[in-house]
Structure formats: C-alpha cells, structure tokens
Amino acid sequence: MKAFLDQDFLLQSATAQTLYHQYAAEMPIIDYHNHLVPQQIADDHQFDNITQAWLYGDHYKWRAMRAHGVDEKYITGNASDEEKFMKWAETVPYTMRNPLYHWTHLELQRYFGVTEVLNSASAKRIYDHCAALLKTPEYSVKNLLLKMNVKVLCSTDDPIDDLGYHKQIKASGYAIKVLPTFRPDKAMAVDDVATFNAYVKSLAQVVGYGIQDLSTYKKAIGERHDYFHACGGRLSDHGLEHIYAEDYTEEQIAKIFGQLVSGANVSDHEKWQFKSAMLVYFAHLDHAKGWTQQFHLGALRNNNARLLGSLGPDTGFDSIGDFEQAKPLSKFLNHLDSTNQLAKTILYNLNPGDNELLATMTGNFQDGTIVGKMQFGSGWWFLDQKDGMERQINALSNMGLLSHFVGMLTDSRSFLSFPRHEYFRRILCNLMGQDVENGELPADIEWLGKLVKDISYTNASEFFNFE
C-alpha cells in the first residue's frame, strides 16, 4: 500500500515516475488563463490567514460545504475567518474522491509543508501554522507565485479596465509577466437591455466620446483592443453557453444596435444576430494582431434563482449544460476561415459528452500555417480533475496531436491553486508511462521526456510568444 500523497502520487509505474521527476517537475509555469486579481499582485498583498487565501471566492469549496450541510453563515456569511476554516476542515474528510481532497492536501504540502490530513482534529493546528507563515514576507502574493516557478500569468479583464495595476506590476520590475486578457462578453450581453446600455455608457466614458451608433461602438471596442495590445495582452476570452452564428447583414446589426440604445424592443432572434456579429468582430480584431482567441463553452449558469438573488452570480450555482455545439461552432469557424481571418483558437469544453466533438472540430481548421493553431483546451471547471483530464488527454490523443497541446491552466481565483499544474503533469506522465509499460509506446524516454516538457511548458511558450 502506497502512502497518501507521497513523491510518486498518481505515478503508477517506473516510467511514469521517471517522466515526471526527471522531465516535468522542474518546468516553469505559464498560466495563460486565470481570474486572479491584478491589484493584489500590484500591492503584493499579504493574507492574514488561510481562509482569506483559500475560501474567499472559491465556489468549488462553497458547493462542497453546502452539500455537507454547512450553514451559509460559514460560507459567504459573517462568521469569522477561523470559524469558516473550521467548517471547511469538518467538510474535507467527506470530500474523498472529489478533486477538492487532492487539491486541498497538495496545496497544504507545497506551500506550507503540512503533511498531515486536514480534519476537525488537525484544523486548529494547521490554521495557526499557515496563518503564521502567511504573515511573513516570504508568503506575500508575489512570493507565493515565485514559489511555484510561475513565469507568465494572464488575468481576465473587461475592455473598459484601465489596466493600471498591470502597468504598476510591470513598472515594479517583478520577475513574472502579468498580462491582461481581453474578455468582451459584456459588450455583447444584450439579454438585459438596461444593463447593456449602462455598459455602453461606461465604455463611452473610457474612450472619451459619445456612442450613438454601431460604427462608433465598434470603433470604441477596437481602441480598447489596441490598448490591451499595447499593455501586453495577446489573448481574448469568452465564456459562452455556445457559439452564436446567426446570419446577418451589417445594416441589420446597425438597426438592432440603434434599437438597443434607444430602449426599443428587440426580439430574441435579433439579439442572437447581434451576438453573432460581435463575435465575428472580436475575432477579426484578434486575427489582425496575431492574438489567440479562447472560447469556454457549455456552462449553464445561475441555476438557483433564490440564492442568486441573495448571493449574486459566481457563488456556486452553475453546472454543466447540454447545448448544441457542433453546427454553430462549425459555421462560426468556417466563416472566419473563408476570409483567412481565423486566429489561433483554444476551445474549452464543459460537457464531457462533447469532448470528441470539439477535438475533431479543431482538426477541421488546422491549416499548416501554425503548429497546433487550433487547440482543444484542457479540462476546465467541473472537468479539471483526474477523470476529466484523462478524458480530455485521451480525446485529444485519439483525434489530434497531443504532442502540440499547450497544456494546463488554473482558471482560478486563488493564489494557492498552482499545484493544479503539478496535478496535470503527474496525470499526463502516468498515462504516457502506462502506455510504455503496456508496450503501446516505445520506451524512448528521451523523446517522451521532450514531449512531456513541451506539453508542460514549451508549447505554450512558443504558441503565445509573449514579449
């Protein structure tokens, strides 16, 4: 029987152990998609305790605590930080076989040197130990990132963000590149017309001129895209249920925009047309600058209306959706490709039943101009766990070229989540090692080690080409 979370955790063969320890483990991290707060990096924020670093904003843990019967007071309510941690510690033993159990103990080990399991008996001891460390300079936000060998991380930012904290980080000479990602979803979110018009007004304030028609609206968005590029941005990102790919003309979109800003009624079909047109416009901007566009597809959000009303969005009430993906995605990508304006693209899937769908869709639009131009992205959200990662790796291996995959990301709001890269690398090495042990791959350790290094770091470095 192996010890829990020992040095060969998840590595079930000698080949896997060699691939991980000799090739993957020491590779730097490019975390090209996350939701970290740039201000906390710029200010080199110091957490008072592990609750602040771990439980604030982590809806993964919140969902588990609710399922365990923990009162909302100890999740998003007004209980003290220590009380919230104790409730999480009570929950942890019941998360066995949920990825939270692995992540929790990996993070305790890698950041704080804690090797005992977290439960009610150990909670106070672990809380005090971590709090004492977090108050030292070595555990500031910047040093937490350096501790994990991070080289580049890309935050997720709205077009109207002034990116002042990104500039501050760069001016400080910080060793890690912290770059913005252009996420213009609010600029096409016309389901709530009042909210959309408030956004248009905010955009007008940022660019310094009035926006009355589609032409000036697109001009303003284009200027913000230019601004992000000047600040080091090289990626865009969208979080969508599915791609919008309705037929439209520019005249129709101009009319729809006019109706929207005047507060007139707009049909659902016209809203879909507007979203379709804006997606194409964003994609054209990305292609013109050599950016990479990312599409996170398949989340069914805000399912619990009662708790959404009291707690707001992004608080743990989203799930996997079952939307039609293939036809609109094919139509959208084909439209861009037909004019040779299809940028480098990463497609992330949330429904495991669509893995092969997206993996084969990327193959339709590889054109030989860029290695791995079309990427089937890593397992994310509900799928960034052992089974989800294995299924994504296997689908990509079967339908495309795993060797050109740009690898893992955290997609996280926590500065303690970077051991997820280690988790992915161990899973990758274990799958490849098992194939060698089974005689399905040659025991060419040097070549396999190169592939492991490439997937862990080098492919992303070359693909994104951050300056």
Protein backbone atom coordinates (compact mmCIF):
# COMPACT_ATOMS: atom_id res chain seq x y z
CA MET A 1 0.00 0.00 0.00
CA LYS A 2 1.39 3.39 -1.04
CA ALA A 3 1.43 6.34 1.31
CA PHE A 4 -1.04 9.13 0.57
CA LEU A 5 0.40 11.98 -1.49
CA ASP A 6 3.99 10.70 -1.44
CA GLN A 7 6.57 11.70 -4.06
CA ASP A 8 5.09 9.24 -6.55
CA PHE A 9 1.49 10.36 -6.09
CA LEU A 10 -0.55 9.36 -9.20
CA LEU A 11 2.58 7.87 -10.83
CA GLN A 12 1.76 4.18 -11.10
CA SER A 13 4.80 2.89 -13.00
CA ALA A 14 8.55 3.34 -13.04
CA THR A 15 8.33 5.00 -16.46
CA ALA A 16 5.75 7.49 -15.21
CA GLN A 17 7.94 8.32 -12.25
CA THR A 18 10.94 8.93 -14.50
CA LEU A 19 8.96 11.14 -16.87
CA TYR A 20 7.59 13.25 -14.07
CA HIS A 21 10.61 13.59 -11.79
CA GLN A 22 13.27 13.97 -14.49
CA TYR A 23 11.31 15.98 -17.08
CA ALA A 24 8.03 17.54 -15.96
CA ALA A 25 8.55 18.55 -12.35
CA GLU A 26 11.01 21.38 -12.85
CA MET A 27 9.38 23.01 -15.87
CA PRO A 28 8.19 26.60 -15.30
CA ILE A 29 4.50 27.50 -15.41
CA ILE A 30 2.70 29.62 -17.97
CA ASP A 31 -0.78 30.13 -16.52
CA TYR A 32 -2.47 31.63 -19.55
CA HIS A 33 -5.99 31.78 -18.11
CA ASN A 34 -6.98 32.63 -14.55
CA HIS A 35 -9.14 35.00 -12.55
CA LEU A 36 -6.55 36.36 -10.14
CA VAL A 37 -6.94 39.96 -9.00
CA PRO A 38 -4.13 42.11 -10.50
CA GLN A 39 -4.45 44.65 -7.69
CA GLN A 40 -3.42 42.04 -5.15
CA ILE A 41 -0.28 41.33 -7.17
CA ALA A 42 0.50 45.01 -7.69
CA ASP A 43 0.08 45.70 -3.97
CA ASP A 44 1.96 42.48 -3.06
CA HIS A 45 -0.97 41.63 -0.83
CA GLN A 46 -0.41 39.79 2.42
CA PHE A 47 -3.16 37.43 3.60
CA ASP A 48 -3.86 37.34 7.34
CA ASN A 49 -4.83 33.68 7.31
CA ILE A 50 -5.53 30.73 5.03
CA THR A 51 -9.27 31.41 4.94
CA GLN A 52 -8.63 34.66 3.11
CA ALA A 53 -6.26 32.95 0.69
CA TRP A 54 -8.31 29.79 0.28
CA LEU A 55 -12.02 30.23 0.92
CA TYR A 56 -12.80 33.77 -0.17
CA GLY A 57 -14.41 33.46 -3.59
CA ASP A 58 -13.82 29.72 -4.02
CA HIS A 59 -17.19 28.41 -5.13
CA TYR A 60 -15.77 24.87 -5.52
CA LYS A 61 -15.36 24.69 -1.74
CA TRP A 62 -18.63 26.51 -1.16
CA ARG A 63 -20.58 23.88 -3.12
CA ALA A 64 -19.00 21.09 -1.09
CA MET A 65 -19.73 22.82 2.21
CA ARG A 66 -23.38 23.35 1.26
CA ALA A 67 -23.67 19.69 0.27
CA HIS A 68 -22.26 18.82 3.70
CA GLY A 69 -24.99 20.83 5.39
CA VAL A 70 -22.89 23.82 6.41
CA ASP A 71 -24.91 26.97 7.06
CA GLU A 72 -24.30 29.86 4.64
CA LYS A 73 -23.10 31.93 7.59
CA TYR A 74 -19.87 29.90 7.50
CA ILE A 75 -19.53 30.03 3.71
CA THR A 76 -20.28 33.54 2.43
CA GLY A 77 -21.75 34.93 5.64
CA ASN A 78 -20.46 36.90 8.60
CA ALA A 79 -18.75 34.14 10.57
CA SER A 80 -15.11 34.78 11.47
CA ASP A 81 -12.32 33.57 9.21
CA GLU A 82 -11.31 30.96 11.78
CA GLU A 83 -14.88 29.68 12.10
CA LYS A 84 -15.16 29.36 8.32
CA PHE A 85 -11.94 27.41 8.15
CA MET A 86 -13.10 25.05 10.88
CA LYS A 87 -16.27 24.32 8.92
CA TRP A 88 -14.20 23.65 5.81
CA ALA A 89 -11.93 21.34 7.82
CA GLU A 90 -15.00 19.44 9.05
CA THR A 91 -16.08 19.04 5.41
CA VAL A 92 -12.75 17.90 3.96
CA PRO A 93 -12.87 14.23 5.10
CA TYR A 94 -16.21 13.94 3.31
CA THR A 95 -14.71 15.18 0.02
CA MET A 96 -12.75 11.97 -0.56
CA ARG A 97 -12.74 11.12 -4.30
CA ASN A 98 -13.70 14.69 -5.10
CA PRO A 99 -10.72 16.61 -6.56
CA LEU A 100 -11.01 19.04 -3.66
CA TYR A 101 -9.48 16.40 -1.41
CA HIS A 102 -6.35 16.15 -3.56
CA TRP A 103 -6.10 19.89 -4.21
CA THR A 104 -6.50 20.74 -0.53
CA HIS A 105 -3.68 18.48 0.58
CA LEU A 106 -1.41 19.28 -2.36
CA GLU A 107 -1.68 22.97 -1.52
CA LEU A 108 -1.05 22.40 2.16
CA GLN A 109 2.08 20.40 1.31
CA ARG A 110 3.52 22.55 -1.45
CA TYR A 111 3.02 25.95 0.16
CA PHE A 112 3.08 25.23 3.89
CA GLY A 113 4.89 21.93 4.34
CA VAL A 114 1.85 20.38 6.02
CA THR A 115 1.83 16.61 5.54
CA GLU A 116 -0.96 15.61 7.91
CA VAL A 117 -4.51 15.35 6.62
CA LEU A 118 -6.93 18.18 7.31
CA ASN A 119 -9.88 17.34 9.53
CA SER A 120 -11.54 18.64 12.69
CA ALA A 121 -8.75 17.31 14.90
CA SER A 122 -5.92 18.94 12.93
CA ALA A 123 -7.76 22.10 11.89
CA LYS A 124 -6.69 24.50 14.64
CA ARG A 125 -3.06 23.41 14.43
CA ILE A 126 -2.98 23.80 10.63
CA TYR A 127 -4.84 27.11 10.72
CA ASP A 128 -2.36 28.64 13.17
CA HIS A 129 0.65 27.23 11.30
CA CYS A 130 -0.50 28.63 7.96
CA ALA A 131 -1.51 31.98 9.45
CA ALA A 132 1.93 32.43 10.96
CA LEU A 133 3.62 31.73 7.61
CA LEU A 134 1.22 33.90 5.61
CA LYS A 135 2.15 36.90 7.73
CA THR A 136 5.82 36.63 6.78
CA PRO A 137 7.31 38.46 3.77
CA GLU A 138 8.11 35.14 2.08
CA TYR A 139 4.36 34.50 1.79
CA SER A 140 3.27 37.69 0.13
CA VAL A 141 1.26 37.26 -3.09
CA LYS A 142 4.27 37.90 -5.31
CA ASN A 143 6.36 35.37 -3.43
CA LEU A 144 3.60 32.76 -3.49
CA LEU A 145 3.72 32.93 -7.29
CA LEU A 146 7.51 32.81 -7.38
CA LYS A 147 7.44 29.79 -5.07
CA MET A 148 5.55 27.87 -7.79
CA ASN A 149 8.00 28.80 -10.57
CA VAL A 150 5.43 30.84 -12.49
CA LYS A 151 6.86 32.72 -15.47
CA VAL A 152 3.73 34.20 -17.06
CA LEU A 153 0.16 34.57 -15.93
CA CYS A 154 -2.76 36.11 -17.80
CA SER A 155 -5.62 37.64 -15.87
CA THR A 156 -9.15 38.04 -17.25
CA ASP A 157 -10.17 41.65 -17.83
CA ASP A 158 -13.05 43.68 -19.18
CA PRO A 159 -12.35 46.02 -22.14
CA ILE A 160 -13.13 49.08 -20.01
CA ASP A 161 -10.50 48.18 -17.38
CA ASP A 162 -7.73 50.79 -17.30
CA LEU A 163 -5.10 48.05 -16.64
CA GLY A 164 -3.41 50.37 -14.18
CA TYR A 165 -2.38 47.51 -11.90
CA HIS A 166 -0.82 45.64 -14.82
CA LYS A 167 1.23 48.73 -15.56
CA GLN A 168 2.20 49.02 -11.90
CA ILE A 169 3.35 45.39 -11.82
CA LYS A 170 5.45 45.84 -14.95
CA ALA A 171 7.00 49.07 -13.65
CA SER A 172 7.96 47.33 -10.41
CA GLY A 173 10.33 45.01 -12.27
CA TYR A 174 8.55 41.91 -10.99
CA ALA A 175 10.09 38.75 -12.43
CA ILE A 176 6.73 37.28 -13.51
CA LYS A 177 4.92 38.69 -16.52
CA VAL A 178 1.34 39.55 -15.56
CA LEU A 179 -0.60 40.23 -18.75
CA PRO A 180 -4.23 41.18 -19.41
CA THR A 181 -6.74 39.11 -21.37
CA PHE A 182 -9.49 40.86 -23.34
CA ARG A 183 -12.90 39.46 -22.28
CA PRO A 184 -15.62 41.47 -24.05
CA ASP A 185 -18.62 39.33 -23.11
CA LYS A 186 -20.43 42.30 -21.54
CA ALA A 187 -20.05 44.14 -24.84
CA MET A 188 -22.40 41.60 -26.48
CA ALA A 189 -24.61 40.80 -23.46
CA VAL A 190 -27.89 42.22 -24.74
CA ASP A 191 -30.33 39.92 -22.93
CA ASP A 192 -30.74 42.66 -20.34
CA VAL A 193 -31.02 45.84 -22.40
CA ALA A 194 -30.74 48.23 -19.45
CA THR A 195 -27.52 46.59 -18.26
CA PHE A 196 -26.14 46.65 -21.80
CA ASN A 197 -26.88 50.38 -22.17
CA ALA A 198 -25.17 51.08 -18.86
CA TYR A 199 -22.13 49.25 -20.24
CA VAL A 200 -22.18 51.31 -23.45
CA LYS A 201 -22.20 54.49 -21.37
CA SER A 202 -19.25 53.25 -19.31
CA LEU A 203 -17.34 52.43 -22.48
CA ALA A 204 -18.08 55.92 -23.84
CA GLN A 205 -16.65 57.47 -20.68
CA VAL A 206 -13.47 55.43 -21.05
CA VAL A 207 -12.85 56.32 -24.72
CA GLY A 208 -13.92 59.93 -24.24
CA TYR A 209 -16.64 60.32 -26.85
CA GLY A 210 -20.30 59.56 -27.30
CA ILE A 211 -21.53 56.27 -28.71
CA GLN A 212 -24.77 56.61 -30.63
CA ASP A 213 -24.39 54.12 -33.47
CA LEU A 214 -22.78 50.79 -34.34
CA SER A 215 -19.84 52.42 -36.10
CA THR A 216 -18.70 54.40 -33.06
CA TYR A 217 -19.41 51.42 -30.81
CA LYS A 218 -17.11 49.17 -32.83
CA LYS A 219 -14.55 51.96 -33.04
CA ALA A 220 -14.51 52.24 -29.25
CA ILE A 221 -14.10 48.50 -28.76
CA GLY A 222 -11.32 48.46 -31.34
CA GLU A 223 -9.49 51.20 -29.46
CA ARG A 224 -9.72 49.22 -26.23
CA HIS A 225 -8.36 46.17 -28.06
CA ASP A 226 -5.44 48.33 -29.23
CA TYR A 227 -4.90 49.48 -25.65
CA PHE A 228 -4.79 45.92 -24.33
CA HIS A 229 -2.25 45.03 -27.02
CA ALA A 230 -0.07 47.98 -26.02
CA CYS A 231 -0.22 46.71 -22.42
CA GLY A 232 1.00 43.23 -23.41
CA GLY A 233 -2.34 41.49 -23.99
CA ARG A 234 -2.15 38.68 -26.54
CA LEU A 235 -5.30 36.70 -25.75
CA SER A 236 -9.04 37.18 -25.72
CA ASP A 237 -11.54 35.01 -23.89
CA HIS A 238 -15.26 34.30 -23.98
CA GLY A 239 -17.45 32.38 -21.56
CA LEU A 240 -20.49 31.26 -23.54
CA GLU A 241 -23.17 28.61 -23.40
CA HIS A 242 -22.50 28.04 -27.09
CA ILE A 243 -21.27 29.95 -30.12
CA TYR A 244 -23.70 32.33 -31.81
CA ALA A 245 -23.66 32.03 -35.59
CA GLU A 246 -26.87 33.57 -36.96
CA ASP A 247 -26.94 35.05 -40.45
CA TYR A 248 -26.96 38.85 -40.51
CA THR A 249 -26.07 41.92 -42.53
CA GLU A 250 -24.24 44.98 -41.26
CA GLU A 251 -27.37 47.02 -41.95
CA GLN A 252 -29.40 44.73 -39.71
CA ILE A 253 -26.84 44.94 -36.90
CA ALA A 254 -26.72 48.74 -37.15
CA LYS A 255 -30.50 48.86 -36.86
CA ILE A 256 -30.52 46.45 -33.92
CA PHE A 257 -27.88 48.49 -32.10
CA GLY A 258 -29.95 51.61 -32.64
CA GLN A 259 -32.98 49.87 -31.15
CA LEU A 260 -30.95 48.67 -28.18
CA VAL A 261 -29.54 52.07 -27.24
CA SER A 262 -32.97 53.69 -27.66
CA GLY A 263 -34.52 51.15 -25.34
CA ALA A 264 -36.85 49.77 -28.02
CA ASN A 265 -37.96 46.15 -28.06
CA VAL A 266 -35.57 43.69 -29.69
CA SER A 267 -36.55 40.11 -30.50
CA ASP A 268 -34.58 37.11 -29.30
CA HIS A 269 -33.51 36.39 -32.87
CA GLU A 270 -32.23 39.95 -33.27
CA LYS A 271 -30.27 39.59 -30.02
CA TRP A 272 -28.69 36.38 -31.37
CA GLN A 273 -27.84 38.19 -34.60
CA PHE A 274 -26.15 40.97 -32.64
CA LYS A 275 -24.15 38.49 -30.56
CA SER A 276 -23.11 36.65 -33.73
CA ALA A 277 -21.92 39.85 -35.37
CA MET A 278 -19.97 40.96 -32.32
CA LEU A 279 -18.26 37.57 -32.01
CA VAL A 280 -17.08 37.90 -35.61
CA TYR A 281 -15.86 41.46 -34.96
CA PHE A 282 -13.91 40.40 -31.87
CA ALA A 283 -12.41 37.51 -33.85
CA HIS A 284 -11.31 39.83 -36.64
CA LEU A 285 -9.57 42.10 -34.12
CA ASP A 286 -7.76 39.09 -32.64
CA HIS A 287 -6.61 37.80 -36.01
CA ALA A 288 -5.34 41.19 -37.14
CA LYS A 289 -2.96 41.34 -34.16
CA GLY A 290 -1.92 37.69 -34.10
CA TRP A 291 -3.72 37.03 -30.82
CA THR A 292 -5.16 33.76 -29.55
CA GLN A 293 -8.92 33.59 -29.02
CA GLN A 294 -10.34 31.36 -26.30
CA PHE A 295 -13.89 30.04 -26.03
CA HIS A 296 -15.15 28.42 -22.83
CA LEU A 297 -18.30 26.60 -23.88
CA GLY A 298 -21.05 24.69 -22.13
CA ALA A 299 -21.77 26.19 -18.70
CA LEU A 300 -25.38 26.51 -17.58
CA ARG A 301 -25.16 29.38 -15.14
CA ASN A 302 -27.17 30.74 -12.22
CA ASN A 303 -29.49 27.76 -11.83
CA ASN A 304 -30.68 28.61 -8.32
CA ALA A 305 -32.79 31.76 -8.66
CA ARG A 306 -33.41 32.10 -4.92
CA LEU A 307 -29.74 32.05 -3.93
CA LEU A 308 -28.69 34.03 -6.99
CA GLY A 309 -30.94 36.79 -5.68
CA SER A 310 -29.31 36.80 -2.27
CA LEU A 311 -25.68 35.97 -3.11
CA GLY A 312 -25.26 37.06 -6.74
CA PRO A 313 -23.51 35.28 -9.63
CA ASP A 314 -20.32 33.19 -9.41
CA THR A 315 -21.22 31.85 -5.99
CA GLY A 316 -21.54 28.15 -6.79
CA PHE A 317 -24.81 27.61 -8.63
CA ASP A 318 -23.60 26.82 -12.15
CA SER A 319 -23.49 23.40 -13.78
CA ILE A 320 -22.74 21.53 -16.98
CA GLY A 321 -25.14 22.35 -19.83
CA ASP A 322 -26.22 20.30 -22.83
CA PHE A 323 -26.29 22.87 -25.61
CA GLU A 324 -25.94 22.22 -29.33
CA GLN A 325 -22.30 22.95 -30.06
CA ALA A 326 -21.27 21.45 -33.40
CA LYS A 327 -23.29 23.29 -36.04
CA PRO A 328 -22.93 26.87 -34.77
CA LEU A 329 -19.27 26.35 -33.92
CA SER A 330 -18.53 24.92 -37.36
CA LYS A 331 -20.41 27.76 -39.04
CA PHE A 332 -18.58 30.41 -37.00
CA LEU A 333 -15.10 28.97 -37.57
CA ASN A 334 -15.79 28.36 -41.24
CA HIS A 335 -16.96 31.95 -41.69
CA LEU A 336 -13.68 33.23 -40.25
CA ASP A 337 -11.58 30.74 -42.20
CA SER A 338 -13.32 31.60 -45.50
CA THR A 339 -11.73 35.06 -45.43
CA ASN A 340 -8.48 33.80 -43.86
CA GLN A 341 -9.29 35.65 -40.62
CA LEU A 342 -9.31 32.72 -38.22
CA ALA A 343 -6.98 33.47 -35.33
CA LYS A 344 -5.20 30.91 -33.18
CA THR A 345 -8.01 29.34 -31.20
CA ILE A 346 -8.49 27.35 -27.98
CA LEU A 347 -11.81 25.59 -27.43
CA TYR A 348 -12.65 24.53 -23.86
CA ASN A 349 -15.45 22.07 -23.27
CA LEU A 350 -17.53 21.66 -20.12
CA ASN A 351 -19.70 18.70 -21.15
CA PRO A 352 -17.60 15.52 -21.30
CA GLY A 353 -20.01 14.15 -23.87
CA ASP A 354 -18.72 16.81 -26.27
CA ASN A 355 -15.00 16.03 -25.88
CA GLU A 356 -14.63 14.21 -29.19
CA LEU A 357 -16.88 16.76 -30.88
CA LEU A 358 -14.57 19.65 -30.02
CA ALA A 359 -11.42 17.61 -30.55
CA THR A 360 -12.48 16.77 -34.11
CA MET A 361 -13.74 20.31 -34.75
CA THR A 362 -10.25 21.71 -34.16
CA GLY A 363 -8.92 19.34 -36.81
CA ASN A 364 -11.26 20.82 -39.40
CA PHE A 365 -9.46 24.15 -39.29
CA GLN A 366 -5.79 23.27 -38.88
CA ASP A 367 -4.20 24.84 -41.94
CA GLY A 368 -0.48 24.13 -41.66
CA THR A 369 0.44 27.77 -41.03
CA ILE A 370 0.98 27.46 -37.27
CA VAL A 371 1.86 24.40 -35.21
CA GLY A 372 -1.25 23.47 -33.25
CA LYS A 373 -3.16 26.54 -34.46
CA MET A 374 -6.47 25.06 -33.30
CA GLN A 375 -6.34 23.73 -29.74
CA PHE A 376 -8.73 21.50 -27.81
CA GLY A 377 -8.22 23.11 -24.42
CA SER A 378 -7.57 21.46 -21.09
CA GLY A 379 -10.34 20.10 -18.92
CA TRP A 380 -11.82 23.07 -17.08
CA TRP A 381 -14.14 23.84 -14.18
CA PHE A 382 -16.04 20.64 -13.43
CA LEU A 383 -13.62 18.69 -15.62
CA ASP A 384 -10.26 19.89 -14.24
CA GLN A 385 -9.94 16.74 -12.15
CA LYS A 386 -8.28 13.37 -12.69
CA ASP A 387 -11.01 11.72 -14.74
CA GLY A 388 -11.75 14.91 -16.69
CA MET A 389 -8.10 15.49 -17.53
CA GLU A 390 -7.60 11.89 -18.60
CA ARG A 391 -10.66 12.04 -20.83
CA GLN A 392 -9.52 15.30 -22.43
CA ILE A 393 -6.00 13.94 -22.98
CA ASN A 394 -7.35 10.72 -24.48
CA ALA A 395 -9.81 12.51 -26.77
CA LEU A 396 -7.09 14.84 -27.99
CA SER A 397 -4.66 11.95 -28.44
CA ASN A 398 -7.18 9.97 -30.48
CA MET A 399 -8.47 12.83 -32.63
CA GLY A 400 -5.45 15.13 -32.92
CA LEU A 401 -1.86 15.63 -31.76
CA LEU A 402 -1.35 15.63 -28.01
CA SER A 403 2.31 16.46 -28.66
CA HIS A 404 1.36 20.03 -29.69
CA PHE A 405 -1.03 20.66 -26.78
CA VAL A 406 -0.44 23.92 -24.88
CA GLY A 407 -1.16 22.30 -21.55
CA MET A 408 -2.76 23.19 -18.27
CA LEU A 409 -4.03 26.37 -16.62
CA THR A 410 -5.59 27.12 -13.25
CA ASP A 411 -8.76 29.06 -14.26
CA SER A 412 -8.68 30.01 -10.59
CA ARG A 413 -9.27 32.95 -8.28
CA SER A 414 -6.85 31.61 -5.69
CA PHE A 415 -3.13 32.28 -5.38
CA LEU A 416 -2.79 28.82 -3.81
CA SER A 417 -4.13 26.89 -6.81
CA PHE A 418 -0.93 26.49 -8.83
CA PRO A 419 -0.27 22.87 -7.77
CA ARG A 420 -3.00 22.07 -10.30
CA HIS A 421 -0.24 22.27 -12.89
CA GLU A 422 1.63 19.58 -10.97
CA TYR A 423 -1.56 17.53 -10.75
CA PHE A 424 -1.99 17.71 -14.53
CA ARG A 425 1.65 16.86 -15.20
CA ARG A 426 1.50 13.80 -12.96
CA ILE A 427 -1.64 12.59 -14.73
CA LEU A 428 -0.04 13.17 -18.14
CA CYS A 429 3.14 11.30 -17.17
CA ASN A 430 1.14 8.46 -15.70
CA LEU A 431 -0.88 7.96 -18.89
CA MET A 432 2.22 8.01 -21.09
CA GLY A 433 4.13 5.80 -18.68
CA GLN A 434 1.33 3.25 -18.65
CA ASP A 435 1.38 3.09 -22.45
CA VAL A 436 5.10 2.31 -22.31
CA GLU A 437 4.58 -0.35 -19.67
CA ASN A 438 1.84 -1.90 -21.84
CA GLY A 439 4.07 -1.94 -24.91
CA GLU A 440 1.83 0.61 -26.65
CA LEU A 441 4.62 3.18 -26.89
CA PRO A 442 8.35 2.62 -27.30
CA ALA A 443 10.50 3.09 -24.20
CA ASP A 444 12.26 6.09 -25.76
CA ILE A 445 12.49 8.08 -22.54
CA GLU A 446 14.44 10.94 -24.08
CA TRP A 447 11.76 11.55 -26.73
CA LEU A 448 8.85 11.04 -24.35
CA GLY A 449 10.56 13.35 -21.87
CA LYS A 450 10.77 16.02 -24.56
CA LEU A 451 7.04 15.68 -25.25
CA VAL A 452 6.29 15.98 -21.55
CA LYS A 453 8.40 19.14 -21.31
CA ASP A 454 6.72 20.55 -24.40
CA ILE A 455 3.20 19.96 -23.11
CA SER A 456 4.10 21.24 -19.65
CA TYR A 457 5.71 24.49 -20.80
CA THR A 458 7.47 24.81 -24.15
CA ASN A 459 4.42 24.53 -26.41
CA ALA A 460 2.65 27.34 -24.57
CA SER A 461 5.77 29.50 -24.61
CA GLU A 462 6.12 29.14 -28.38
CA PHE A 463 2.40 29.29 -29.15
CA PHE A 464 1.64 32.53 -27.31
CA ASN A 465 5.05 34.13 -27.91
CA PHE A 466 4.66 36.64 -25.09
CA GLU A 467 7.04 39.57 -25.46
